[in-house]
Amino acid sequence: MEPYANLGGRSGIEAYETGFDSITVQFGDGTVYVYTNASAGASNVGQMKLLARRGHGLNAFINKSVKFSCDRKWK
């Protein structure tokens, strides 16, 4: 996984990993969520990948748009 830059300084996201049709996000408490095109929509996954690379806004986007749309999660 790649460390999340957290340029805003208030994100709970620690790291992320992008796949062809998915993004995996790890939070500070160790919980890992996988969002796929099938579970969250291709446009949402694309936006999440963009925000992850920018290092800003990913946590807010997840909470606002895809919070309950993960394909799977584990801790």
PDB file of N, CA and C in Angstrom:
ATOM      1  N   MET A   1       0.841  -1.184   0.000  1.00  0.00           N
ATOM      2  CA  MET A   1       0.000   0.000   0.000  1.00  0.00           C
ATOM      3  C   MET A   1       0.879   1.238   0.000  1.00  0.00           C
ATOM      4  N   GLU A   2       0.322   2.278  -0.527  1.00  0.00           N
ATOM      5  CA  GLU A   2       1.028   3.550  -0.608  1.00  0.00           C
ATOM      6  C   GLU A   2       0.529   4.478   0.507  1.00  0.00           C
ATOM      7  N   PRO A   3       1.410   5.141   1.220  1.00  0.00           N
ATOM      8  CA  PRO A   3       0.962   6.061   2.270  1.00  0.00           C
ATOM      9  C   PRO A   3       0.111   7.194   1.686  1.00  0.00           C
ATOM     10  N   TYR A   4      -0.950   7.554   2.388  1.00  0.00           N
ATOM     11  CA  TYR A   4      -1.796   8.667   1.986  1.00  0.00           C
ATOM     12  C   TYR A   4      -1.161   9.955   2.503  1.00  0.00           C
ATOM     13  N   ALA A   5      -1.011  10.959   1.639  1.00  0.00           N
ATOM     14  CA  ALA A   5      -0.290  12.191   1.996  1.00  0.00           C
ATOM     15  C   ALA A   5      -1.000  13.006   3.074  1.00  0.00           C
ATOM     16  N   ASN A   6      -2.315  12.970   3.134  1.00  0.00           N
ATOM     17  CA  ASN A   6      -3.087  13.690   4.155  1.00  0.00           C
ATOM     18  C   ASN A   6      -2.686  15.165   4.247  1.00  0.00           C
ATOM     19  N   LEU A   7      -2.732  15.843   3.124  1.00  0.00           N
ATOM     20  CA  LEU A   7      -2.319  17.245   3.078  1.00  0.00           C
ATOM     21  C   LEU A   7      -3.193  18.158   3.922  1.00  0.00           C
ATOM     22  N   GLY A   8      -4.437  17.766   4.153  1.00  0.00           N
ATOM     23  CA  GLY A   8      -5.328  18.553   5.002  1.00  0.00           C
ATOM     24  C   GLY A   8      -5.051  18.354   6.483  1.00  0.00           C
ATOM     25  N   GLY A   9      -4.361  17.271   6.831  1.00  0.00           N
ATOM     26  CA  GLY A   9      -3.964  17.033   8.210  1.00  0.00           C
ATOM     27  C   GLY A   9      -5.027  16.450   9.118  1.00  0.00           C
ATOM     28  N   ARG A  10      -6.229  16.175   8.603  1.00  0.00           N
ATOM     29  CA  ARG A  10      -7.297  15.695   9.481  1.00  0.00           C
ATOM     30  C   ARG A  10      -7.899  14.370   9.045  1.00  0.00           C
ATOM     31  N   SER A  11      -7.314  13.719   8.080  1.00  0.00           N
ATOM     32  CA  SER A  11      -7.873  12.477   7.550  1.00  0.00           C
ATOM     33  C   SER A  11      -7.525  11.302   8.445  1.00  0.00           C
ATOM     34  N   GLY A  12      -8.432  10.353   8.506  1.00  0.00           N
ATOM     35  CA  GLY A  12      -8.164   9.112   9.215  1.00  0.00           C
ATOM     36  C   GLY A  12      -7.542   8.062   8.316  1.00  0.00           C
ATOM     37  N   ILE A  13      -7.298   8.409   7.060  1.00  0.00           N
ATOM     38  CA  ILE A  13      -6.752   7.464   6.097  1.00  0.00           C
ATOM     39  C   ILE A  13      -5.236   7.393   6.230  1.00  0.00           C
ATOM     40  N   GLU A  14      -4.732   6.168   6.285  1.00  0.00           N
ATOM     41  CA  GLU A  14      -3.293   5.937   6.407  1.00  0.00           C
ATOM     42  C   GLU A  14      -2.650   5.583   5.067  1.00  0.00           C
ATOM     43  N   ALA A  15      -3.334   4.747   4.273  1.00  0.00           N
ATOM     44  CA  ALA A  15      -2.732   4.243   3.045  1.00  0.00           C
ATOM     45  C   ALA A  15      -3.820   3.836   2.059  1.00  0.00           C
ATOM     46  N   TYR A  16      -3.402   3.650   0.819  1.00  0.00           N
ATOM     47  CA  TYR A  16      -4.337   3.219  -0.225  1.00  0.00           C
ATOM     48  C   TYR A  16      -3.581   2.415  -1.272  1.00  0.00           C
ATOM     49  N   GLU A  17      -4.357   1.678  -2.065  1.00  0.00           N
ATOM     50  CA  GLU A  17      -3.803   0.928  -3.182  1.00  0.00           C
ATOM     51  C   GLU A  17      -4.856   0.915  -4.287  1.00  0.00           C
ATOM     52  N   THR A  18      -4.436   1.235  -5.486  1.00  0.00           N
ATOM     53  CA  THR A  18      -5.374   1.239  -6.601  1.00  0.00           C
ATOM     54  C   THR A  18      -5.206  -0.013  -7.434  1.00  0.00           C
ATOM     55  N   GLY A  19      -6.316  -0.480  -7.962  1.00  0.00           N
ATOM     56  CA  GLY A  19      -6.334  -1.591  -8.896  1.00  0.00           C
ATOM     57  C   GLY A  19      -7.015  -1.126 -10.169  1.00  0.00           C
ATOM     58  N   PHE A  20      -7.143  -2.015 -11.132  1.00  0.00           N
ATOM     59  CA  PHE A  20      -7.749  -1.653 -12.407  1.00  0.00           C
ATOM     60  C   PHE A  20      -9.158  -1.103 -12.211  1.00  0.00           C
ATOM     61  N   ASP A  21      -9.970  -1.776 -11.405  1.00  0.00           N
ATOM     62  CA  ASP A  21     -11.356  -1.353 -11.192  1.00  0.00           C
ATOM     63  C   ASP A  21     -11.694  -1.224  -9.711  1.00  0.00           C
ATOM     64  N   SER A  22     -10.671  -0.867  -8.901  1.00  0.00           N
ATOM     65  CA  SER A  22     -10.901  -0.790  -7.459  1.00  0.00           C
ATOM     66  C   SER A  22      -9.906   0.142  -6.786  1.00  0.00           C
ATOM     67  N   ILE A  23     -10.251   0.478  -5.543  1.00  0.00           N
ATOM     68  CA  ILE A  23      -9.316   1.165  -4.656  1.00  0.00           C
ATOM     69  C   ILE A  23      -9.495   0.560  -3.266  1.00  0.00           C
ATOM     70  N   THR A  24      -8.382   0.287  -2.626  1.00  0.00           N
ATOM     71  CA  THR A  24      -8.364  -0.237  -1.271  1.00  0.00           C
ATOM     72  C   THR A  24      -7.853   0.869  -0.364  1.00  0.00           C
ATOM     73  N   VAL A  25      -8.565   1.106   0.731  1.00  0.00           N
ATOM     74  CA  VAL A  25      -8.239   2.208   1.639  1.00  0.00           C
ATOM     75  C   VAL A  25      -8.064   1.669   3.051  1.00  0.00           C
ATOM     76  N   GLN A  26      -6.936   2.007   3.670  1.00  0.00           N
ATOM     77  CA  GLN A  26      -6.677   1.605   5.054  1.00  0.00           C
ATOM     78  C   GLN A  26      -6.772   2.821   5.959  1.00  0.00           C
ATOM     79  N   PHE A  27      -7.554   2.682   7.022  1.00  0.00           N
ATOM     80  CA  PHE A  27      -7.715   3.755   7.997  1.00  0.00           C
ATOM     81  C   PHE A  27      -6.777   3.549   9.177  1.00  0.00           C
ATOM     82  N   GLY A  28      -6.627   4.570   9.990  1.00  0.00           N
ATOM     83  CA  GLY A  28      -5.693   4.553  11.108  1.00  0.00           C
ATOM     84  C   GLY A  28      -5.969   3.486  12.134  1.00  0.00           C
ATOM     85  N   ASP A  29      -7.220   3.042  12.240  1.00  0.00           N
ATOM     86  CA  ASP A  29      -7.546   1.992  13.209  1.00  0.00           C
ATOM     87  C   ASP A  29      -7.267   0.594  12.670  1.00  0.00           C
ATOM     88  N   GLY A  30      -6.722   0.526  11.446  1.00  0.00           N
ATOM     89  CA  GLY A  30      -6.377  -0.750  10.852  1.00  0.00           C
ATOM     90  C   GLY A  30      -7.445  -1.347   9.957  1.00  0.00           C
ATOM     91  N   THR A  31      -8.627  -0.744   9.924  1.00  0.00           N
ATOM     92  CA  THR A  31      -9.696  -1.244   9.069  1.00  0.00           C
ATOM     93  C   THR A  31      -9.374  -0.949   7.610  1.00  0.00           C
ATOM     94  N   VAL A  32      -9.598  -1.944   6.772  1.00  0.00           N
ATOM     95  CA  VAL A  32      -9.327  -1.829   5.338  1.00  0.00           C
ATOM     96  C   VAL A  32     -10.640  -2.007   4.582  1.00  0.00           C
ATOM     97  N   TYR A  33     -10.925  -1.096   3.661  1.00  0.00           N
ATOM     98  CA  TYR A  33     -12.126  -1.140   2.834  1.00  0.00           C
ATOM     99  C   TYR A  33     -11.722  -1.252   1.377  1.00  0.00           C
ATOM    100  N   VAL A  34     -12.432  -2.087   0.636  1.00  0.00           N
ATOM    101  CA  VAL A  34     -12.219  -2.210  -0.795  1.00  0.00           C
ATOM    102  C   VAL A  34     -13.471  -1.708  -1.501  1.00  0.00           C
ATOM    103  N   TYR A  35     -13.290  -0.710  -2.353  1.00  0.00           N
ATOM    104  CA  TYR A  35     -14.366  -0.154  -3.168  1.00  0.00           C
ATOM    105  C   TYR A  35     -14.098  -0.545  -4.613  1.00  0.00           C
ATOM    106  N   THR A  36     -15.081  -1.124  -5.272  1.00  0.00           N
ATOM    107  CA  THR A  36     -14.928  -1.551  -6.658  1.00  0.00           C
ATOM    108  C   THR A  36     -15.905  -0.796  -7.551  1.00  0.00           C
ATOM    109  N   ASN A  37     -15.660  -0.873  -8.852  1.00  0.00           N
ATOM    110  CA  ASN A  37     -16.598  -0.273  -9.799  1.00  0.00           C
ATOM    111  C   ASN A  37     -17.993  -0.854  -9.603  1.00  0.00           C
ATOM    112  N   ALA A  38     -18.070  -2.152  -9.316  1.00  0.00           N
ATOM    113  CA  ALA A  38     -19.357  -2.813  -9.133  1.00  0.00           C
ATOM    114  C   ALA A  38     -20.064  -2.364  -7.853  1.00  0.00           C
ATOM    115  N   SER A  39     -19.313  -2.113  -6.778  1.00  0.00           N
ATOM    116  CA  SER A  39     -19.948  -1.770  -5.501  1.00  0.00           C
ATOM    117  C   SER A  39     -20.221  -0.278  -5.341  1.00  0.00           C
ATOM    118  N   ALA A  40     -19.318   0.554  -5.839  1.00  0.00           N
ATOM    119  CA  ALA A  40     -19.425   2.001  -5.602  1.00  0.00           C
ATOM    120  C   ALA A  40     -19.644   2.816  -6.878  1.00  0.00           C
ATOM    121  N   GLY A  41     -19.490   2.184  -8.032  1.00  0.00           N
ATOM    122  CA  GLY A  41     -19.637   2.897  -9.297  1.00  0.00           C
ATOM    123  C   GLY A  41     -18.283   3.337  -9.830  1.00  0.00           C
ATOM    124  N   ALA A  42     -18.119   3.192 -11.137  1.00  0.00           N
ATOM    125  CA  ALA A  42     -16.835   3.509 -11.766  1.00  0.00           C
ATOM    126  C   ALA A  42     -16.451   4.972 -11.599  1.00  0.00           C
ATOM    127  N   SER A  43     -17.406   5.876 -11.689  1.00  0.00           N
ATOM    128  CA  SER A  43     -17.064   7.299 -11.547  1.00  0.00           C
ATOM    129  C   SER A  43     -16.621   7.615 -10.127  1.00  0.00           C
ATOM    130  N   ASN A  44     -17.247   6.994  -9.137  1.00  0.00           N
ATOM    131  CA  ASN A  44     -16.829   7.213  -7.750  1.00  0.00           C
ATOM    132  C   ASN A  44     -15.447   6.635  -7.488  1.00  0.00           C
ATOM    133  N   VAL A  45     -15.182   5.445  -7.996  1.00  0.00           N
ATOM    134  CA  VAL A  45     -13.865   4.840  -7.814  1.00  0.00           C
ATOM    135  C   VAL A  45     -12.803   5.689  -8.509  1.00  0.00           C
ATOM    136  N   GLY A  46     -13.106   6.180  -9.696  1.00  0.00           N
ATOM    137  CA  GLY A  46     -12.170   7.056 -10.400  1.00  0.00           C
ATOM    138  C   GLY A  46     -11.875   8.320  -9.614  1.00  0.00           C
ATOM    139  N   GLN A  47     -12.907   8.906  -9.026  1.00  0.00           N
ATOM    140  CA  GLN A  47     -12.724  10.117  -8.213  1.00  0.00           C
ATOM    141  C   GLN A  47     -11.894   9.812  -6.970  1.00  0.00           C
ATOM    142  N   MET A  48     -12.133   8.674  -6.360  1.00  0.00           N
ATOM    143  CA  MET A  48     -11.372   8.284  -5.176  1.00  0.00           C
ATOM    144  C   MET A  48      -9.893   8.093  -5.510  1.00  0.00           C
ATOM    145  N   LYS A  49      -9.614   7.499  -6.667  1.00  0.00           N
ATOM    146  CA  LYS A  49      -8.219   7.320  -7.090  1.00  0.00           C
ATOM    147  C   LYS A  49      -7.538   8.671  -7.270  1.00  0.00           C
ATOM    148  N   LEU A  50      -8.246   9.599  -7.886  1.00  0.00           N
ATOM    149  CA  LEU A  50      -7.707  10.949  -8.092  1.00  0.00           C
ATOM    150  C   LEU A  50      -7.413  11.628  -6.756  1.00  0.00           C
ATOM    151  N   LEU A  51      -8.367  11.581  -5.840  1.00  0.00           N
ATOM    152  CA  LEU A  51      -8.191  12.212  -4.528  1.00  0.00           C
ATOM    153  C   LEU A  51      -7.070  11.537  -3.731  1.00  0.00           C
ATOM    154  N   ALA A  52      -6.955  10.224  -3.863  1.00  0.00           N
ATOM    155  CA  ALA A  52      -5.882   9.507  -3.165  1.00  0.00           C
ATOM    156  C   ALA A  52      -4.520   9.973  -3.665  1.00  0.00           C
ATOM    157  N   ARG A  53      -4.375  10.084  -4.977  1.00  0.00           N
ATOM    158  CA  ARG A  53      -3.097  10.550  -5.539  1.00  0.00           C
ATOM    159  C   ARG A  53      -2.806  11.986  -5.125  1.00  0.00           C
ATOM    160  N   ARG A  54      -3.833  12.823  -5.034  1.00  0.00           N
ATOM    161  CA  ARG A  54      -3.650  14.212  -4.610  1.00  0.00           C
ATOM    162  C   ARG A  54      -3.314  14.324  -3.130  1.00  0.00           C
ATOM    163  N   GLY A  55      -3.759  13.344  -2.337  1.00  0.00           N
ATOM    164  CA  GLY A  55      -3.491  13.358  -0.904  1.00  0.00           C
ATOM    165  C   GLY A  55      -4.397  14.274  -0.121  1.00  0.00           C
ATOM    166  N   HIS A  56      -5.546  14.586  -0.700  1.00  0.00           N
ATOM    167  CA  HIS A  56      -6.465  15.519  -0.027  1.00  0.00           C
ATOM    168  C   HIS A  56      -7.898  15.256  -0.472  1.00  0.00           C
ATOM    169  N   GLY A  57      -8.810  15.155   0.487  1.00  0.00           N
ATOM    170  CA  GLY A  57     -10.234  15.064   0.190  1.00  0.00           C
ATOM    171  C   GLY A  57     -10.820  13.670   0.112  1.00  0.00           C
ATOM    172  N   LEU A  58     -10.011  12.644   0.219  1.00  0.00           N
ATOM    173  CA  LEU A  58     -10.518  11.284   0.069  1.00  0.00           C
ATOM    174  C   LEU A  58     -11.459  10.889   1.204  1.00  0.00           C
ATOM    175  N   ASN A  59     -11.098  11.170   2.429  1.00  0.00           N
ATOM    176  CA  ASN A  59     -11.944  10.805   3.558  1.00  0.00           C
ATOM    177  C   ASN A  59     -13.301  11.486   3.474  1.00  0.00           C
ATOM    178  N   ALA A  60     -13.320  12.756   3.145  1.00  0.00           N
ATOM    179  CA  ALA A  60     -14.588  13.490   3.012  1.00  0.00           C
ATOM    180  C   ALA A  60     -15.437  12.903   1.892  1.00  0.00           C
ATOM    181  N   PHE A  61     -14.812  12.563   0.776  1.00  0.00           N
ATOM    182  CA  PHE A  61     -15.557  11.979  -0.343  1.00  0.00           C
ATOM    183  C   PHE A  61     -16.157  10.635   0.051  1.00  0.00           C
ATOM    184  N   ILE A  62     -15.393   9.814   0.739  1.00  0.00           N
ATOM    185  CA  ILE A  62     -15.911   8.522   1.183  1.00  0.00           C
ATOM    186  C   ILE A  62     -17.126   8.726   2.085  1.00  0.00           C
ATOM    187  N   ASN A  63     -17.009   9.603   3.067  1.00  0.00           N
ATOM    188  CA  ASN A  63     -18.111   9.844   3.991  1.00  0.00           C
ATOM    189  C   ASN A  63     -19.344  10.398   3.299  1.00  0.00           C
ATOM    190  N   LYS A  64     -19.140  11.217   2.301  1.00  0.00           N
ATOM    191  CA  LYS A  64     -20.265  11.867   1.611  1.00  0.00           C
ATOM    192  C   LYS A  64     -20.902  10.984   0.542  1.00  0.00           C
ATOM    193  N   SER A  65     -20.082  10.221  -0.186  1.00  0.00           N
ATOM    194  CA  SER A  65     -20.590   9.580  -1.396  1.00  0.00           C
ATOM    195  C   SER A  65     -20.629   8.053  -1.403  1.00  0.00           C
ATOM    196  N   VAL A  66     -19.708   7.388  -0.730  1.00  0.00           N
ATOM    197  CA  VAL A  66     -19.623   5.928  -0.872  1.00  0.00           C
ATOM    198  C   VAL A  66     -19.472   5.178   0.451  1.00  0.00           C
ATOM    199  N   LYS A  67     -19.776   5.808   1.538  1.00  0.00           N
ATOM    200  CA  LYS A  67     -19.517   5.240   2.862  1.00  0.00           C
ATOM    201  C   LYS A  67     -19.994   3.791   3.014  1.00  0.00           C
ATOM    202  N   PHE A  68     -21.168   3.492   2.506  1.00  0.00           N
ATOM    203  CA  PHE A  68     -21.741   2.162   2.686  1.00  0.00           C
ATOM    204  C   PHE A  68     -21.692   1.325   1.408  1.00  0.00           C
ATOM    205  N   SER A  69     -20.805   1.685   0.502  1.00  0.00           N
ATOM    206  CA  SER A  69     -20.739   1.013  -0.800  1.00  0.00           C
ATOM    207  C   SER A  69     -19.466   0.195  -0.996  1.00  0.00           C
ATOM    208  N   CYS A  70     -18.862  -0.234   0.078  1.00  0.00           N
ATOM    209  CA  CYS A  70     -17.633  -1.027  -0.086  1.00  0.00           C
ATOM    210  C   CYS A  70     -17.983  -2.452  -0.499  1.00  0.00           C
ATOM    211  N   ASP A  71     -17.085  -3.073  -1.217  1.00  0.00           N
ATOM    212  CA  ASP A  71     -17.257  -4.459  -1.639  1.00  0.00           C
ATOM    213  C   ASP A  71     -16.974  -5.401  -0.476  1.00  0.00           C
ATOM    214  N   ARG A  72     -15.939  -5.071   0.297  1.00  0.00           N
ATOM    215  CA  ARG A  72     -15.596  -5.854   1.479  1.00  0.00           C
ATOM    216  C   ARG A  72     -14.717  -5.019   2.407  1.00  0.00           C
ATOM    217  N   LYS A  73     -14.652  -5.461   3.662  1.00  0.00           N
ATOM    218  CA  LYS A  73     -13.788  -4.792   4.637  1.00  0.00           C
ATOM    219  C   LYS A  73     -13.280  -5.820   5.632  1.00  0.00           C
ATOM    220  N   TRP A  74     -12.168  -5.475   6.278  1.00  0.00           N
ATOM    221  CA  TRP A  74     -11.597  -6.315   7.324  1.00  0.00           C
ATOM    222  C   TRP A  74     -10.727  -5.459   8.237  1.00  0.00           C
ATOM    223  N   LYS A  75     -10.407  -6.029   9.352  1.00  0.00           N
ATOM    224  CA  LYS A  75      -9.537  -5.335  10.324  1.00  0.00           C
ATOM    225  C   LYS A  75      -8.459  -6.270  10.796  1.00  0.00           C
TER     226      LYS A  75
END
